[in-house]
Amino acid sequence: MTIAFWLLTMLYAVLMGGAAIVQAHQAGMPLWLLVLNVGFSLILLTSRWWVPSFYIGLLGLLGTALANGLVLNGRIRWSHFTVRTVLTAALIWWHLFL
């Protein structure tokens, strides 16, 4: 289960960082928001070696999800944010019981 957990965590980090890069090119994401998204993704990628970065990266990506909605769409898409919150909570719960 540990391998599956870390693979899922790393996949989530890579997908969120990659999505930010794509959005920066397609939707004109501001540089500061791109840096936050990619930065928290990179922090999450280091979580295998430094446990606090797991929580910093996940919660940072959740916060940037709110900023992404406001900056790129002018509003928060609550259905999207709810899914991200549930996924974040599931990863944290899983991590607590490793």
Protein backbone atom coordinates (compact mmCIF):
# COMPACT_ATOMS: atom_id res chain seq x y z
CA MET A 1 0.00 0.00 0.00
CA THR A 2 2.90 2.34 0.66
CA ILE A 3 4.07 2.17 -2.94
CA ALA A 4 0.54 2.89 -4.17
CA PHE A 5 0.26 5.86 -1.81
CA TRP A 6 3.51 7.43 -2.96
CA LEU A 7 2.76 6.77 -6.62
CA LEU A 8 -0.63 8.47 -6.25
CA THR A 9 0.92 11.39 -4.38
CA MET A 10 3.65 11.85 -6.99
CA LEU A 11 1.13 11.55 -9.82
CA TYR A 12 -1.05 14.21 -8.20
CA ALA A 13 1.94 16.55 -7.84
CA VAL A 14 3.05 16.05 -11.45
CA LEU A 15 -0.48 16.50 -12.82
CA MET A 16 -1.07 19.70 -10.83
CA GLY A 17 2.28 21.18 -11.89
CA GLY A 18 1.74 20.15 -15.50
CA ALA A 19 -1.78 21.56 -15.54
CA ALA A 20 -0.45 24.88 -14.25
CA ILE A 21 2.12 25.04 -17.04
CA VAL A 22 -0.56 24.28 -19.65
CA GLN A 23 -2.89 26.92 -18.15
CA ALA A 24 -0.10 29.48 -18.20
CA HIS A 25 0.24 29.02 -21.95
CA GLN A 26 -3.45 28.66 -22.82
CA ALA A 27 -5.25 30.94 -20.40
CA GLY A 28 -2.55 33.47 -19.64
CA MET A 29 -2.05 32.54 -15.98
CA PRO A 30 -0.06 35.25 -14.18
CA LEU A 31 3.54 34.37 -13.40
CA TRP A 32 3.02 34.60 -9.62
CA LEU A 33 0.22 32.03 -9.78
CA LEU A 34 2.26 29.74 -12.01
CA VAL A 35 5.16 29.93 -9.54
CA LEU A 36 2.84 29.07 -6.64
CA ASN A 37 1.30 26.10 -8.46
CA VAL A 38 4.59 24.67 -9.69
CA GLY A 39 6.32 25.48 -6.41
CA PHE A 40 3.79 23.62 -4.27
CA SER A 41 3.87 20.74 -6.74
CA LEU A 42 7.65 20.54 -6.37
CA ILE A 43 7.34 20.74 -2.59
CA LEU A 44 4.88 17.84 -2.69
CA LEU A 45 7.33 15.87 -4.83
CA THR A 46 9.93 16.14 -2.06
CA SER A 47 7.55 14.70 0.53
CA ARG A 48 8.97 11.20 0.20
CA TRP A 49 12.13 12.47 1.88
CA TRP A 50 10.81 15.24 4.14
CA VAL A 51 7.41 14.56 5.71
CA PRO A 52 6.35 18.18 6.44
CA SER A 53 6.54 18.96 2.73
CA PHE A 54 3.68 16.50 2.19
CA TYR A 55 1.30 18.69 4.19
CA ILE A 56 2.77 21.98 2.93
CA GLY A 57 2.49 20.85 -0.70
CA LEU A 58 -1.04 19.45 -0.43
CA LEU A 59 -2.47 22.39 1.49
CA GLY A 60 -0.62 24.84 -0.74
CA LEU A 61 -2.11 23.24 -3.85
CA LEU A 62 -5.54 23.40 -2.26
CA GLY A 63 -5.05 27.11 -1.60
CA THR A 64 -3.85 27.74 -5.12
CA ALA A 65 -6.96 25.99 -6.42
CA LEU A 66 -8.97 28.84 -4.90
CA ALA A 67 -6.63 31.43 -6.41
CA ASN A 68 -6.78 29.68 -9.81
CA GLY A 69 -10.56 29.85 -9.81
CA LEU A 70 -10.68 33.50 -8.86
CA VAL A 71 -7.93 34.66 -11.23
CA LEU A 72 -8.70 32.48 -14.26
CA ASN A 73 -12.50 32.20 -14.04
CA GLY A 74 -13.47 35.19 -11.93
CA ARG A 75 -15.16 32.86 -9.44
CA ILE A 76 -14.54 29.71 -7.47
CA ARG A 77 -16.01 26.56 -8.98
CA TRP A 78 -17.22 24.90 -5.80
CA SER A 79 -17.71 21.48 -7.37
CA HIS A 80 -14.07 21.49 -8.51
CA PHE A 81 -12.85 22.75 -5.15
CA THR A 82 -14.90 20.10 -3.32
CA VAL A 83 -13.31 17.30 -5.36
CA ARG A 84 -9.84 18.71 -4.66
CA THR A 85 -10.66 18.99 -0.95
CA VAL A 86 -11.90 15.40 -0.77
CA LEU A 87 -8.79 14.14 -2.59
CA THR A 88 -6.53 16.16 -0.28
CA ALA A 89 -8.35 14.86 2.80
CA ALA A 90 -8.13 11.28 1.52
CA LEU A 91 -4.37 11.58 0.93
CA ILE A 92 -3.83 13.10 4.38
CA TRP A 93 -5.96 10.38 6.02
CA TRP A 94 -4.08 7.67 4.13
CA HIS A 95 -0.75 9.23 5.11
CA LEU A 96 -1.71 9.27 8.78
CA PHE A 97 -2.30 5.52 8.77
CA LEU A 98 0.83 4.44 6.86
